[in-house]
C-alpha atoms as a PDB file:
ATOM      1  CA  MET A   1      49.997 102.338  33.090  1.00  0.00           C
ATOM      2  CA  PRO A   2      53.231 100.851  31.921  1.00  0.00           C
ATOM      3  CA  GLU A   3      55.496  99.589  34.379  1.00  0.00           C
ATOM      4  CA  GLY A   4      59.124  99.729  34.575  1.00  0.00           C
ATOM      5  CA  ILE A   5      61.136  96.564  33.134  1.00  0.00           C
ATOM      6  CA  GLY A   6      64.681  96.302  32.771  1.00  0.00           C
ATOM      7  CA  VAL A   7      64.897  93.949  29.400  1.00  0.00           C
ATOM      8  CA  LEU A   8      62.927  97.272  27.789  1.00  0.00           C
ATOM      9  CA  SER A   9      65.282  99.629  28.610  1.00  0.00           C
ATOM     10  CA  LYS A  10      67.745 101.441  26.301  1.00  0.00           C
ATOM     11  CA  THR A  11      69.958 104.190  26.799  1.00  0.00           C
ATOM     12  CA  GLY A  12      70.715 106.845  23.960  1.00  0.00           C
ATOM     13  CA  ILE A  13      73.141 110.097  23.848  1.00  0.00           C
ATOM     14  CA  LYS A  14      74.530 112.741  21.668  1.00  0.00           C
ATOM     15  CA  ALA A  15      77.562 114.965  22.081  1.00  0.00           C
ATOM     16  CA  CYS A  16      76.863 118.807  23.446  1.00  0.00           C
ATOM     17  CA  THR A  17      79.209 121.473  23.822  1.00  0.00           C
ATOM     18  CA  SER A  18      77.683 123.766  26.657  1.00  0.00           C
ATOM     19  CA  TRP A  19      76.437 122.820  30.310  1.00  0.00           C
ATOM     20  CA  GLY A  20      72.668 123.060  30.405  1.00  0.00           C
ATOM     21  CA  GLU A  21      72.109 123.923  26.579  1.00  0.00           C
ATOM     22  CA  THR A  22      68.812 123.338  25.140  1.00  0.00           C
ATOM     23  CA  TRP A  23      67.874 119.620  24.669  1.00  0.00           C
ATOM     24  CA  ALA A  24      68.266 117.840  21.610  1.00  0.00           C
ATOM     25  CA  ALA A  25      67.091 114.402  20.945  1.00  0.00           C
ATOM     26  CA  VAL A  26      69.753 111.830  21.264  1.00  0.00           C
ATOM     27  CA  ASP A  27      70.963 110.027  17.816  1.00  0.00           C
ATOM     28  CA  GLN A  28      73.116 107.008  19.451  1.00  0.00           C
ATOM     29  CA  GLN A  29      72.139 104.080  21.707  1.00  0.00           C
ATOM     30  CA  ILE A  30      74.622 102.563  23.541  1.00  0.00           C
ATOM     31  CA  PRO A  31      74.535  99.044  24.755  1.00  0.00           C
ATOM     32  CA  PHE A  32      74.453  98.647  28.611  1.00  0.00           C
ATOM     33  CA  ASN A  33      74.323  96.503  31.583  1.00  0.00           C
ATOM     34  CA  ASP A  34      73.430  98.782  34.843  1.00  0.00           C
ATOM     35  CA  GLU A  35      73.030 102.302  35.889  1.00  0.00           C
ATOM     36  CA  SER A  36      72.429 103.963  38.782  1.00  0.00           C
ATOM     37  CA  ILE A  37      72.601 107.575  38.553  1.00  0.00           C
ATOM     38  CA  LYS A  38      70.891 109.231  41.521  1.00  0.00           C
ATOM     39  CA  GLN A  39      69.525 112.416  42.241  1.00  0.00           C
ATOM     40  CA  GLN A  40      70.177 113.780  45.287  1.00  0.00           C
ATOM     41  CA  ILE A  41      68.905 117.179  47.295  1.00  0.00           C
ATOM     42  CA  GLU A  42      70.830 118.824  50.294  1.00  0.00           C
ATOM     43  CA  TRP A  43      68.234 119.345  52.373  1.00  0.00           C
ATOM     44  CA  ASN A  44      68.274 122.367  54.722  1.00  0.00           C
ATOM     45  CA  GLU A  45      66.696 121.005  57.942  1.00  0.00           C
ATOM     46  CA  ASN A  46      64.446 123.521  59.713  1.00  0.00           C
ATOM     47  CA  ASN A  47      65.627 123.546  63.379  1.00  0.00           C
ATOM     48  CA  CYS A  48      63.714 126.814  64.941  1.00  0.00           C
ATOM     49  CA  LEU A  49      62.486 126.275  67.963  1.00  0.00           C
ATOM     50  CA  GLU A  50      59.213 127.073  68.707  1.00  0.00           C
ATOM     51  CA  GLY A  51      58.170 125.255  71.219  1.00  0.00           C
ATOM     52  CA  SER A  52      57.154 121.793  69.815  1.00  0.00           C
ATOM     53  CA  ALA A  53      59.272 118.798  69.326  1.00  0.00           C
ATOM     54  CA  GLY A  54      58.006 118.579  65.982  1.00  0.00           C
ATOM     55  CA  HIS A  55      59.738 120.486  63.432  1.00  0.00           C
ATOM     56  CA  ARG A  56      58.693 122.433  59.869  1.00  0.00           C
ATOM     57  CA  ALA A  57      59.563 120.642  56.230  1.00  0.00           C
ATOM     58  CA  PRO A  58      62.963 121.507  55.243  1.00  0.00           C
ATOM     59  CA  ASP A  59      63.804 123.757  52.704  1.00  0.00           C
ATOM     60  CA  GLY A  60      65.858 122.502  49.167  1.00  0.00           C
ATOM     61  CA  GLY A  61      69.319 123.060  48.233  1.00  0.00           C
ATOM     62  CA  LEU A  62      71.775 122.201  45.817  1.00  0.00           C
ATOM     63  CA  ILE A  63      70.801 119.277  43.514  1.00  0.00           C
ATOM     64  CA  LYS A  64      73.694 116.849  42.611  1.00  0.00           C
ATOM     65  CA  ILE A  65      72.942 114.120  39.669  1.00  0.00           C
ATOM     66  CA  GLU A  66      75.366 111.174  39.859  1.00  0.00           C
ATOM     67  CA  GLY A  67      76.332 107.488  39.865  1.00  0.00           C
ATOM     68  CA  PRO A  68      77.721 104.406  37.180  1.00  0.00           C
ATOM     69  CA  PHE A  69      76.794 103.367  34.048  1.00  0.00           C
ATOM     70  CA  LYS A  70      78.327 100.234  33.502  1.00  0.00           C
ATOM     71  CA  ALA A  71      78.155  98.039  30.257  1.00  0.00           C
ATOM     72  CA  ASP A  72      80.122  94.888  27.984  1.00  0.00           C
ATOM     73  CA  PHE A  73      82.625  96.561  26.771  1.00  0.00           C
ATOM     74  CA  ASP A  74      82.371  96.320  22.942  1.00  0.00           C
ATOM     75  CA  TYR A  75      83.960  97.037  19.628  1.00  0.00           C
ATOM     76  CA  TYR A  76      81.606  98.944  17.767  1.00  0.00           C
ATOM     77  CA  ASN A  77      79.491 101.023  20.232  1.00  0.00           C
ATOM     78  CA  PHE A  78      81.770 102.960  22.877  1.00  0.00           C
ATOM     79  CA  ASP A  79      84.167 105.426  21.004  1.00  0.00           C
ATOM     80  CA  THR A  80      82.046 108.515  21.915  1.00  0.00           C
ATOM     81  CA  LEU A  81      82.034 107.385  25.616  1.00  0.00           C
ATOM     82  CA  LEU A  82      85.582 106.691  25.534  1.00  0.00           C
ATOM     83  CA  GLU A  83      86.145 110.238  23.701  1.00  0.00           C
ATOM     84  CA  MET A  84      84.063 111.974  26.563  1.00  0.00           C
ATOM     85  CA  ALA A  85      85.926 110.255  29.054  1.00  0.00           C
ATOM     86  CA  LEU A  86      89.831 109.989  27.979  1.00  0.00           C
ATOM     87  CA  GLY A  87      89.242 113.691  26.147  1.00  0.00           C
ATOM     88  CA  ALA A  88      91.124 113.035  23.196  1.00  0.00           C
ATOM     89  CA  ALA A  89      90.414 111.494  19.661  1.00  0.00           C
ATOM     90  CA  ALA A  90      92.632 111.214  16.129  1.00  0.00           C
ATOM     91  CA  GLY A  91      90.389 108.983  14.166  1.00  0.00           C
ATOM     92  CA  THR A  92      90.575 105.738  16.185  1.00  0.00           C
ATOM     93  CA  VAL A  93      93.147 106.710  18.904  1.00  0.00           C
ATOM     94  CA  PHE A  94      92.335 108.114  21.967  1.00  0.00           C
ATOM     95  CA  THR A  95      94.654 109.944  24.201  1.00  0.00           C
ATOM     96  CA  ILE A  96      94.231 111.199  27.940  1.00  0.00           C
ATOM     97  CA  ALA A  97      94.123 115.330  27.429  1.00  0.00           C
ATOM     98  CA  ASP A  98      94.983 117.117  30.761  1.00  0.00           C
ATOM     99  CA  ASP A  99      92.030 119.031  31.196  1.00  0.00           C
ATOM    100  CA  HIS A 100      88.523 118.890  28.968  1.00  0.00           C
ATOM    101  CA  SER A 101      84.771 119.604  28.961  1.00  0.00           C
ATOM    102  CA  LYS A 102      83.984 116.866  26.540  1.00  0.00           C
ATOM    103  CA  MET A 103      79.766 116.448  27.470  1.00  0.00           C
ATOM    104  CA  PHE A 104      76.806 114.175  26.464  1.00  0.00           C
ATOM    105  CA  ARG A 105      73.868 114.196  26.871  1.00  0.00           C
ATOM    106  CA  MET A 106      72.259 111.176  28.065  1.00  0.00           C
ATOM    107  CA  GLU A 107      67.936 109.370  27.794  1.00  0.00           C
ATOM    108  CA  ILE A 108      67.215 106.357  29.150  1.00  0.00           C
ATOM    109  CA  GLU A 109      63.983 104.612  28.513  1.00  0.00           C
ATOM    110  CA  LYS A 110      62.577 103.130  31.451  1.00  0.00           C
ATOM    111  CA  SER A 111      59.249 102.188  30.411  1.00  0.00           C
ATOM    112  CA  VAL A 112      57.058 104.665  32.427  1.00  0.00           C
ATOM    113  CA  SER A 113      59.284 107.776  30.814  1.00  0.00           C
ATOM    114  CA  ARG A 114      62.718 108.566  29.597  1.00  0.00           C
ATOM    115  CA  TRP A 115      64.734 109.775  31.640  1.00  0.00           C
ATOM    116  CA  ARG A 116      66.853 112.881  30.151  1.00  0.00           C
ATOM    117  CA  TYR A 117      70.455 114.023  31.894  1.00  0.00           C
ATOM    118  CA  ASP A 118      70.796 117.284  30.643  1.00  0.00           C
ATOM    119  CA  GLY A 119      75.036 117.386  30.288  1.00  0.00           C
ATOM    120  CA  ALA A 120      76.673 114.588  31.536  1.00  0.00           C
ATOM    121  CA  MET A 121      80.648 114.402  32.072  1.00  0.00           C
ATOM    122  CA  ILE A 122      82.850 111.576  33.237  1.00  0.00           C
ATOM    123  CA  ASP A 123      84.504 111.589  36.378  1.00  0.00           C
ATOM    124  CA  MET A 124      85.395 108.112  36.344  1.00  0.00           C
ATOM    125  CA  PHE A 125      86.579 105.544  33.644  1.00  0.00           C
ATOM    126  CA  SER A 126      87.488 101.599  34.468  1.00  0.00           C
ATOM    127  CA  LEU A 127      88.022  98.257  32.487  1.00  0.00           C
ATOM    128  CA  THR A 128      87.845  94.928  34.092  1.00  0.00           C
ATOM    129  CA  GLY A 129      88.833  91.602  32.553  1.00  0.00           C
ATOM    130  CA  GLU A 130      88.702  88.251  34.335  1.00  0.00           C
ATOM    131  CA  LYS A 131      89.709  85.329  32.344  1.00  0.00           C
ATOM    132  CA  GLY A 132      87.959  83.791  29.560  1.00  0.00           C
ATOM    133  CA  LYS A 133      84.898  86.622  30.433  1.00  0.00           C
ATOM    134  CA  ILE A 134      83.867  89.514  28.859  1.00  0.00           C
ATOM    135  CA  VAL A 135      85.698  93.172  29.832  1.00  0.00           C
ATOM    136  CA  GLN A 136      83.146  94.915  31.753  1.00  0.00           C
ATOM    137  CA  ALA A 137      83.574  99.003  31.484  1.00  0.00           C
ATOM    138  CA  GLU A 138      82.045 101.260  33.555  1.00  0.00           C
ATOM    139  CA  PHE A 139      81.996 105.302  33.775  1.00  0.00           C
ATOM    140  CA  GLY A 140      81.391 107.377  36.351  1.00  0.00           C
ATOM    141  CA  LEU A 141      78.747 110.082  35.376  1.00  0.00           C
ATOM    142  CA  VAL A 142      77.969 113.469  36.668  1.00  0.00           C
ATOM    143  CA  CYS A 143      75.087 115.404  35.208  1.00  0.00           C
ATOM    144  CA  ARG A 144      73.928 118.985  35.446  1.00  0.00           C
ATOM    145  CA  SER A 145      70.168 117.945  35.358  1.00  0.00           C
ATOM    146  CA  LEU A 146      67.344 115.332  35.353  1.00  0.00           C
ATOM    147  CA  SER A 147      63.613 115.620  33.715  1.00  0.00           C
ATOM    148  CA  ARG A 148      60.981 113.002  32.649  1.00  0.00           C
ATOM    149  CA  SER A 149      59.549 112.758  29.378  1.00  0.00           C
ATOM    150  CA  ALA A 150      56.641 111.274  28.006  1.00  0.00           C
ATOM    151  CA  THR A 151      58.362 111.866  24.532  1.00  0.00           C
ATOM    152  CA  ALA A 152      58.952 108.482  22.713  1.00  0.00           C
ATOM    153  CA  PHE A 153      62.573 107.449  22.483  1.00  0.00           C
ATOM    154  CA  PRO A 154      64.032 107.678  19.468  1.00  0.00           C
ATOM    155  CA  SER A 155      64.251 105.381  16.646  1.00  0.00           C
ATOM    156  CA  LEU A 156      67.664 104.228  17.220  1.00  0.00           C
ATOM    157  CA  SER A 157      69.148 100.675  17.036  1.00  0.00           C
ATOM    158  CA  ILE A 158      72.885  99.160  17.465  1.00  0.00           C
ATOM    159  CA  ALA A 159      73.881  97.655  14.448  1.00  0.00           C
ATOM    160  CA  ASN A 160      76.619  95.837  15.462  1.00  0.00           C
ATOM    161  CA  MET A 161      78.168  94.477  18.963  1.00  0.00           C
ATOM    162  CA  SER A 162      80.816  92.481  18.946  1.00  0.00           C
ATOM    163  CA  ARG A 163      81.997  92.269  23.169  1.00  0.00           C
ATOM    164  CA  VAL A 164      85.449  92.508  24.166  1.00  0.00           C
ATOM    165  CA  ARG A 165      86.113  89.148  26.055  1.00  0.00           C
ATOM    166  CA  PHE A 166      89.438  88.771  28.230  1.00  0.00           C
ATOM    167  CA  SER A 167      90.021  85.373  26.628  1.00  0.00           C
ATOM    168  CA  VAL A 168      92.134  82.336  27.477  1.00  0.00           C
ATOM    169  CA  SER A 169      93.259  82.610  23.912  1.00  0.00           C
ATOM    170  CA  THR A 170      96.575  85.074  22.876  1.00  0.00           C
ATOM    171  CA  SER A 171      94.712  85.343  19.425  1.00  0.00           C
ATOM    172  CA  ASN A 172      92.268  87.340  20.760  1.00  0.00           C
ATOM    173  CA  SER A 173      94.176  89.148  23.686  1.00  0.00           C
ATOM    174  CA  ARG A 174      97.703  89.702  24.550  1.00  0.00           C
ATOM    175  CA  ILE A 175      99.457  91.694  27.684  1.00  0.00           C
ATOM    176  CA  ARG A 176     103.370  92.778  27.833  1.00  0.00           C
ATOM    177  CA  ILE A 177     104.933  94.143  30.301  1.00  0.00           C
ATOM    178  CA  ALA A 178     108.608  94.910  30.457  1.00  0.00           C
ATOM    179  CA  ASP A 179     111.271  97.654  31.793  1.00  0.00           C
ATOM    180  CA  GLN A 180     111.972 100.571  29.903  1.00  0.00           C
ATOM    181  CA  ALA A 181     114.982  99.459  28.459  1.00  0.00           C
ATOM    182  CA  ASP A 182     113.544  98.460  25.384  1.00  0.00           C
ATOM    183  CA  ALA A 183     110.517  98.777  23.080  1.00  0.00           C
ATOM    184  CA  LEU A 184     108.106  95.952  24.557  1.00  0.00           C
ATOM    185  CA  ALA A 185     108.066  92.577  22.363  1.00  0.00           C
ATOM    186  CA  SER A 186     106.786  88.769  21.833  1.00  0.00           C
ATOM    187  CA  GLY A 187     108.740  87.848  24.642  1.00  0.00           C
ATOM    188  CA  ASP A 188     107.652  90.598  27.560  1.00  0.00           C
ATOM    189  CA  GLU A 189     104.251  88.633  26.851  1.00  0.00           C
ATOM    190  CA  VAL A 190     102.860  87.443  30.299  1.00  0.00           C
ATOM    191  CA  GLY A 191      99.299  85.811  31.547  1.00  0.00           C
ATOM    192  CA  TRP A 192      96.967  87.552  34.015  1.00  0.00           C
ATOM    193  CA  GLU A 193      94.035  86.148  35.270  1.00  0.00           C
ATOM    194  CA  TYR A 194      92.552  89.589  36.067  1.00  0.00           C
ATOM    195  CA  PHE A 195      93.264  93.119  35.882  1.00  0.00           C
ATOM    196  CA  LYS A 196      91.162  96.214  36.603  1.00  0.00           C
ATOM    197  CA  LEU A 197      92.344  99.897  34.620  1.00  0.00           C
ATOM    198  CA  THR A 198      91.036 102.562  36.127  1.00  0.00           C
ATOM    199  CA  LEU A 199      91.247 106.393  35.113  1.00  0.00           C
ATOM    200  CA  GLN A 200      90.128 108.883  38.204  1.00  0.00           C
ATOM    201  CA  ARG A 201      89.918 112.593  36.586  1.00  0.00           C
ATOM    202  CA  LYS A 202      89.600 114.222  40.198  1.00  0.00           C
ATOM    203  CA  LEU A 203      86.438 116.778  38.654  1.00  0.00           C
ATOM    204  CA  LYS A 204      85.456 119.558  41.406  1.00  0.00           C
ATOM    205  CA  LYS A 205      81.413 118.691  40.838  1.00  0.00           C
ATOM    206  CA  ASP A 206      79.512 120.044  43.805  1.00  0.00           C
ATOM    207  CA  ASP A 207      80.133 124.326  43.193  1.00  0.00           C
ATOM    208  CA  GLY A 208      76.957 125.922  42.962  1.00  0.00           C
ATOM    209  CA  THR A 209      75.908 129.293  43.240  1.00  0.00           C
ATOM    210  CA  ASN A 210      72.735 131.628  44.178  1.00  0.00           C
ATOM    211  CA  GLN A 211      71.381 131.457  40.375  1.00  0.00           C
ATOM    212  CA  GLY A 212      70.608 128.289  40.757  1.00  0.00           C
ATOM    213  CA  ARG A 213      70.136 124.649  42.189  1.00  0.00           C
ATOM    214  CA  TYR A 214      72.147 122.508  40.009  1.00  0.00           C
ATOM    215  CA  VAL A 215      76.062 122.242  40.159  1.00  0.00           C
ATOM    216  CA  LEU A 216      78.478 124.077  38.073  1.00  0.00           C
ATOM    217  CA  GLN A 217      80.070 122.668  34.905  1.00  0.00           C
ATOM    218  CA  PRO A 218      82.784 120.282  36.697  1.00  0.00           C
ATOM    219  CA  LYS A 219      86.483 121.307  36.725  1.00  0.00           C
ATOM    220  CA  ILE A 220      89.414 119.446  37.055  1.00  0.00           C
ATOM    221  CA  ASP A 221      90.430 119.931  40.477  1.00  0.00           C
ATOM    222  CA  GLY A 222      94.193 117.928  40.868  1.00  0.00           C
ATOM    223  CA  PHE A 223      96.256 115.327  39.298  1.00  0.00           C
ATOM    224  CA  ARG A 224      94.450 112.703  37.867  1.00  0.00           C
ATOM    225  CA  GLU A 225      94.748 108.895  38.460  1.00  0.00           C
ATOM    226  CA  VAL A 226      96.005 106.681  36.412  1.00  0.00           C
ATOM    227  CA  LYS A 227      95.579 102.677  38.239  1.00  0.00           C
ATOM    228  CA  LEU A 228      96.367  98.848  37.030  1.00  0.00           C
ATOM    229  CA  GLU A 229      95.576  96.149  39.183  1.00  0.00           C
ATOM    230  CA  MET A 230      96.311  92.968  37.996  1.00  0.00           C
ATOM    231  CA  ARG A 231      96.205  89.001  39.413  1.00  0.00           C
ATOM    232  CA  ILE A 232      98.464  86.431  38.684  1.00  0.00           C
ATOM    233  CA  PRO A 233      97.531  82.830  39.128  1.00  0.00           C
ATOM    234  CA  ARG A 234     100.831  81.552  40.545  1.00  0.00           C
ATOM    235  CA  TYR A 235     104.082  82.231  42.401  1.00  0.00           C
ATOM    236  CA  SER A 236     106.743  81.166  39.900  1.00  0.00           C
ATOM    237  CA  ALA A 237     109.392  83.557  39.573  1.00  0.00           C
ATOM    238  CA  ASP A 238     110.388  87.125  41.639  1.00  0.00           C
ATOM    239  CA  THR A 239     110.326  89.447  38.485  1.00  0.00           C
ATOM    240  CA  TYR A 240     107.460  91.460  40.071  1.00  0.00           C
ATOM    241  CA  HIS A 241     108.777  91.714  43.324  1.00  0.00           C
ATOM    242  CA  THR A 242     112.527  92.731  42.198  1.00  0.00           C
ATOM    243  CA  TRP A 243     110.948  95.375  39.846  1.00  0.00           C
ATOM    244  CA  LYS A 244     108.428  96.809  42.859  1.00  0.00           C
ATOM    245  CA  ASP A 245     111.876  96.835  45.047  1.00  0.00           C
ATOM    246  CA  ALA A 246     113.949  98.524  42.923  1.00  0.00           C
ATOM    247  CA  PRO A 247     111.733 100.351  41.987  1.00  0.00           C
ATOM    248  CA  THR A 248     111.783 100.115  37.998  1.00  0.00           C
ATOM    249  CA  LYS A 249     110.159 101.997  35.543  1.00  0.00           C
ATOM    250  CA  LEU A 250     107.837  99.528  33.620  1.00  0.00           C
ATOM    251  CA  GLN A 251     105.777  99.804  30.391  1.00  0.00           C
ATOM    252  CA  SER A 252     102.732  97.874  29.669  1.00  0.00           C
ATOM    253  CA  ASP A 253     100.528  97.400  26.774  1.00  0.00           C
ATOM    254  CA  ILE A 254      96.855  95.490  26.677  1.00  0.00           C
ATOM    255  CA  TYR A 255      95.495  94.001  23.643  1.00  0.00           C
ATOM    256  CA  PHE A 256      92.402  92.896  22.174  1.00  0.00           C
ATOM    257  CA  THR A 257      90.768  92.013  18.979  1.00  0.00           C
ATOM    258  CA  ASP A 258      87.837  90.224  17.213  1.00  0.00           C
ATOM    259  CA  GLY A 259      89.341  89.563  14.142  1.00  0.00           C
ATOM    260  CA  THR A 260      87.697  92.274  12.554  1.00  0.00           C
ATOM    261  CA  ARG A 261      88.477  95.183  15.407  1.00  0.00           C
ATOM    262  CA  SER A 262      91.157  95.935  17.782  1.00  0.00           C
ATOM    263  CA  TYR A 263      91.615  97.804  20.836  1.00  0.00           C
ATOM    264  CA  LEU A 264      95.201  98.560  22.259  1.00  0.00           C
ATOM    265  CA  ILE A 265      95.816 100.518  25.598  1.00  0.00           C
ATOM    266  CA  GLU A 266      99.343 101.470  25.869  1.00  0.00           C
ATOM    267  CA  ILE A 267     100.524 102.496  29.413  1.00  0.00           C
ATOM    268  CA  PRO A 268     103.649 104.209  29.008  1.00  0.00           C
ATOM    269  CA  GLU A 269     104.963 104.808  32.145  1.00  0.00           C
ATOM    270  CA  MET A 270     104.286 102.726  35.744  1.00  0.00           C
ATOM    271  CA  LEU A 271     105.665 101.391  38.825  1.00  0.00           C
ATOM    272  CA  ILE A 272     104.752  98.492  41.095  1.00  0.00           C
ATOM    273  CA  GLU A 273     103.323 100.252  44.036  1.00  0.00           C
ATOM    274  CA  ASP A 274     101.800  97.892  46.462  1.00  0.00           C
ATOM    275  CA  GLY A 275      99.574  94.580  46.584  1.00  0.00           C
ATOM    276  CA  LEU A 276     102.151  92.067  45.967  1.00  0.00           C
ATOM    277  CA  ASP A 277     101.060  88.924  47.926  1.00  0.00           C
ATOM    278  CA  ALA A 278     103.033  85.814  47.725  1.00  0.00           C
ATOM    279  CA  GLY A 279     102.128  84.726  51.337  1.00  0.00           C
ATOM    280  CA  ALA A 280     102.730  81.099  51.970  1.00  0.00           C
ATOM    281  CA  LYS A 281      98.975  80.887  53.526  1.00  0.00           C
ATOM    282  CA  GLY A 282      98.167  76.682  54.243  1.00  0.00           C
ATOM    283  CA  PRO A 283      99.071  74.162  52.117  1.00  0.00           C
ATOM    284  CA  GLY A 284      97.833  75.055  48.859  1.00  0.00           C
ATOM    285  CA  VAL A 285      99.430  76.524  45.691  1.00  0.00           C
ATOM    286  CA  ILE A 286     100.943  80.387  46.765  1.00  0.00           C
END
């Protein structure tokens, strides 16, 4: 009998068009590091009083399937998931759509069986970079249903992989930030030791009906949130504090390249909200 082993795991996806449509084989393999997609059942406890301290078994209610999918971000394998997260794609240009219903199927090989998530939408997407390390991508998934299959995983492979590095060299990565008076230029380049860019879509993902135990297709339920966290290693100027105090509307972009492919993340408008810390907390560097 096979046993589940992480190094033998693999994931495939396939775009679909409706929530809960008939399963079709995945057609693209995605490299990943970690997934914690869990099925949770809302149990209805039986608390009827009948002369005993014991109680009868609960009854199952609505089924929710959610969790994170994490990976080393790379230049070749994430176009489909980027479109699913952001909503709009024109060639290799991805933009955030106000409301979209992009969804996909996902199958994860776990040796014992293949876990099939029939219908998945992305509620949260983040990129995290730390100096000299590989940029980490995380996708928060909401899935319709889960089944476990004995059918062999499709014959897929990963042809190319070039991971995105938040490099110590400007030839591989670049960050620019400035006010909105002029277009960003080379003089606006800055050095950060850490960043985290997060898109939270605010989907309503716990609605159901008496016609089934699975949640209805998630829908937008509020204003999206886009946040950029960053960390600077040295306090050497008051620029960020001045921008925050004003407050000043800013623009920024983050660029990565491996020499063949590249990503350019454009943030046309933002404000510094909170978190600036230049406290002198001891004898060390501020």
